[in-house]
Amino acid sequence: MEIKYKIWLEKDGKVIFGHGREELLQAVAECHSLNAAAKKLNMSYRAAWGRLRASEDRLGIKLIESDAAKKRDDPNPRGHDAPGKIPAPGKRRRFLS
């Protein structure tokens, strides 16, 4: 028998951040492209963009920065440390200082 759980953050009943969005940000950091990150995670670009946009709106910060000149996307410093990095049970963590 295993105990399993999922943790996510909500605001006004809407998801702000969770494991899926953390995976998406990590994939953006690796691929330097939201489109490539979405493909890596087997999701559409539109779904990836929509989830990140919703989280950005609810958090009030940009999670990724786009550089059109370099044709690359990267998590911004605050986005990279966003609340998707949920601590292990029994550990405390301060989010978005």
C-alpha atoms as a PDB file:
ATOM      1  CA  MET A   1       0.000   0.000   0.000  1.00  0.00           C
ATOM      2  CA  GLU A   2       1.206   3.502  -0.813  1.00  0.00           C
ATOM      3  CA  ILE A   3       0.028   6.875   0.342  1.00  0.00           C
ATOM      4  CA  LYS A   4      -0.162   9.332  -2.528  1.00  0.00           C
ATOM      5  CA  TYR A   5      -1.176  12.947  -2.598  1.00  0.00           C
ATOM      6  CA  LYS A   6      -1.295  15.988  -4.829  1.00  0.00           C
ATOM      7  CA  ILE A   7      -0.852  19.528  -3.616  1.00  0.00           C
ATOM      8  CA  TRP A   8      -1.702  22.672  -5.500  1.00  0.00           C
ATOM      9  CA  LEU A   9      -2.431  26.290  -4.683  1.00  0.00           C
ATOM     10  CA  GLU A  10      -5.763  27.929  -5.438  1.00  0.00           C
ATOM     11  CA  LYS A  11      -7.085  31.454  -5.244  1.00  0.00           C
ATOM     12  CA  ASP A  12     -10.832  32.024  -5.341  1.00  0.00           C
ATOM     13  CA  GLY A  13     -11.302  28.377  -6.315  1.00  0.00           C
ATOM     14  CA  LYS A  14      -8.962  28.591  -9.334  1.00  0.00           C
ATOM     15  CA  VAL A  15      -5.602  26.866  -9.628  1.00  0.00           C
ATOM     16  CA  ILE A  16      -2.598  29.129  -9.241  1.00  0.00           C
ATOM     17  CA  PHE A  17       0.186  26.595  -9.198  1.00  0.00           C
ATOM     18  CA  GLY A  18       0.843  22.899  -8.835  1.00  0.00           C
ATOM     19  CA  HIS A  19       2.990  20.044 -10.060  1.00  0.00           C
ATOM     20  CA  GLY A  20       1.932  20.383 -13.713  1.00  0.00           C
ATOM     21  CA  ARG A  21       2.836  24.039 -13.910  1.00  0.00           C
ATOM     22  CA  GLU A  22       6.129  23.352 -12.160  1.00  0.00           C
ATOM     23  CA  GLU A  23       6.903  20.675 -14.778  1.00  0.00           C
ATOM     24  CA  LEU A  24       6.015  23.146 -17.519  1.00  0.00           C
ATOM     25  CA  LEU A  25       8.349  25.811 -16.116  1.00  0.00           C
ATOM     26  CA  GLN A  26      11.148  23.264 -15.786  1.00  0.00           C
ATOM     27  CA  ALA A  27      10.628  22.200 -19.397  1.00  0.00           C
ATOM     28  CA  VAL A  28      10.726  25.852 -20.521  1.00  0.00           C
ATOM     29  CA  ALA A  29      14.006  26.261 -18.623  1.00  0.00           C
ATOM     30  CA  GLU A  30      15.440  23.195 -20.388  1.00  0.00           C
ATOM     31  CA  CYS A  31      14.096  23.893 -23.878  1.00  0.00           C
ATOM     32  CA  HIS A  32      14.177  27.729 -23.828  1.00  0.00           C
ATOM     33  CA  SER A  33      10.885  27.616 -25.703  1.00  0.00           C
ATOM     34  CA  LEU A  34       7.303  27.342 -24.543  1.00  0.00           C
ATOM     35  CA  ASN A  35       6.392  25.553 -27.767  1.00  0.00           C
ATOM     36  CA  ALA A  36       9.195  22.972 -27.356  1.00  0.00           C
ATOM     37  CA  ALA A  37       8.322  22.556 -23.666  1.00  0.00           C
ATOM     38  CA  ALA A  38       4.686  21.889 -24.545  1.00  0.00           C
ATOM     39  CA  LYS A  39       5.714  19.267 -27.127  1.00  0.00           C
ATOM     40  CA  LYS A  40       8.054  17.638 -24.601  1.00  0.00           C
ATOM     41  CA  LEU A  41       5.139  17.320 -22.170  1.00  0.00           C
ATOM     42  CA  ASN A  42       2.737  16.100 -24.890  1.00  0.00           C
ATOM     43  CA  MET A  43       0.445  19.096 -24.608  1.00  0.00           C
ATOM     44  CA  SER A  44      -0.644  21.737 -27.069  1.00  0.00           C
ATOM     45  CA  TYR A  45       1.054  25.116 -27.150  1.00  0.00           C
ATOM     46  CA  ARG A  46      -2.351  26.722 -26.514  1.00  0.00           C
ATOM     47  CA  ALA A  47      -2.909  24.658 -23.345  1.00  0.00           C
ATOM     48  CA  ALA A  48       0.598  25.413 -22.045  1.00  0.00           C
ATOM     49  CA  TRP A  49       0.269  29.118 -22.808  1.00  0.00           C
ATOM     50  CA  GLY A  50      -3.196  29.267 -21.237  1.00  0.00           C
ATOM     51  CA  ARG A  51      -2.105  27.622 -18.000  1.00  0.00           C
ATOM     52  CA  LEU A  52       0.933  29.853 -17.607  1.00  0.00           C
ATOM     53  CA  ARG A  53      -1.077  32.954 -18.479  1.00  0.00           C
ATOM     54  CA  ALA A  54      -3.752  32.060 -15.904  1.00  0.00           C
ATOM     55  CA  SER A  55      -1.099  31.541 -13.216  1.00  0.00           C
ATOM     56  CA  GLU A  56       0.621  34.817 -14.129  1.00  0.00           C
ATOM     57  CA  ASP A  57      -2.686  36.693 -13.890  1.00  0.00           C
ATOM     58  CA  ARG A  58      -3.563  35.136 -10.526  1.00  0.00           C
ATOM     59  CA  LEU A  59      -0.074  35.596  -9.050  1.00  0.00           C
ATOM     60  CA  GLY A  60       0.441  39.061 -10.471  1.00  0.00           C
ATOM     61  CA  ILE A  61       3.929  38.235 -11.807  1.00  0.00           C
ATOM     62  CA  LYS A  62       5.361  37.003 -15.099  1.00  0.00           C
ATOM     63  CA  LEU A  63       6.529  33.415 -14.874  1.00  0.00           C
ATOM     64  CA  ILE A  64       8.420  33.380 -18.162  1.00  0.00           C
ATOM     65  CA  GLU A  65      10.228  36.084 -20.089  1.00  0.00           C
ATOM     66  CA  SER A  66      10.332  36.043 -23.866  1.00  0.00           C
ATOM     67  CA  ASP A  67      13.223  37.456 -25.848  1.00  0.00           C
ATOM     68  CA  ALA A  68      11.995  37.830 -29.423  1.00  0.00           C
ATOM     69  CA  ALA A  69      15.432  38.917 -30.648  1.00  0.00           C
ATOM     70  CA  LYS A  70      17.015  35.697 -29.365  1.00  0.00           C
ATOM     71  CA  LYS A  71      13.888  33.627 -30.065  1.00  0.00           C
ATOM     72  CA  ARG A  72      13.908  32.148 -26.595  1.00  0.00           C
ATOM     73  CA  ASP A  73      11.704  31.864 -23.508  1.00  0.00           C
ATOM     74  CA  ASP A  74      13.044  31.436 -19.992  1.00  0.00           C
ATOM     75  CA  PRO A  75      11.520  31.422 -16.529  1.00  0.00           C
ATOM     76  CA  ASN A  76      12.161  34.769 -14.921  1.00  0.00           C
ATOM     77  CA  PRO A  77      13.925  34.603 -11.542  1.00  0.00           C
ATOM     78  CA  ARG A  78      10.654  34.911  -9.610  1.00  0.00           C
ATOM     79  CA  GLY A  79       8.896  32.510 -11.963  1.00  0.00           C
ATOM     80  CA  HIS A  80      11.610  29.920 -11.555  1.00  0.00           C
ATOM     81  CA  ASP A  81      11.122  29.994  -7.766  1.00  0.00           C
ATOM     82  CA  ALA A  82       7.327  30.098  -8.004  1.00  0.00           C
ATOM     83  CA  PRO A  83       5.161  28.173  -5.573  1.00  0.00           C
ATOM     84  CA  GLY A  84       5.057  24.997  -7.622  1.00  0.00           C
ATOM     85  CA  LYS A  85       8.101  23.860  -5.687  1.00  0.00           C
ATOM     86  CA  ILE A  86       5.985  22.483  -2.916  1.00  0.00           C
ATOM     87  CA  PRO A  87       7.998  21.257   0.049  1.00  0.00           C
ATOM     88  CA  ALA A  88       8.029  17.687   1.248  1.00  0.00           C
ATOM     89  CA  PRO A  89       5.595  16.951   4.085  1.00  0.00           C
ATOM     90  CA  GLY A  90       6.775  18.371   7.377  1.00  0.00           C
ATOM     91  CA  LYS A  91       8.987  21.033   5.771  1.00  0.00           C
ATOM     92  CA  ARG A  92       8.089  24.687   5.707  1.00  0.00           C
ATOM     93  CA  ARG A  93       8.744  26.997   2.814  1.00  0.00           C
ATOM     94  CA  ARG A  94       8.078  30.644   2.252  1.00  0.00           C
ATOM     95  CA  PHE A  95       6.603  31.407  -1.166  1.00  0.00           C
ATOM     96  CA  LEU A  96       7.176  34.524  -3.256  1.00  0.00           C
ATOM     97  CA  SER A  97       9.021  36.615  -0.717  1.00  0.00           C
END
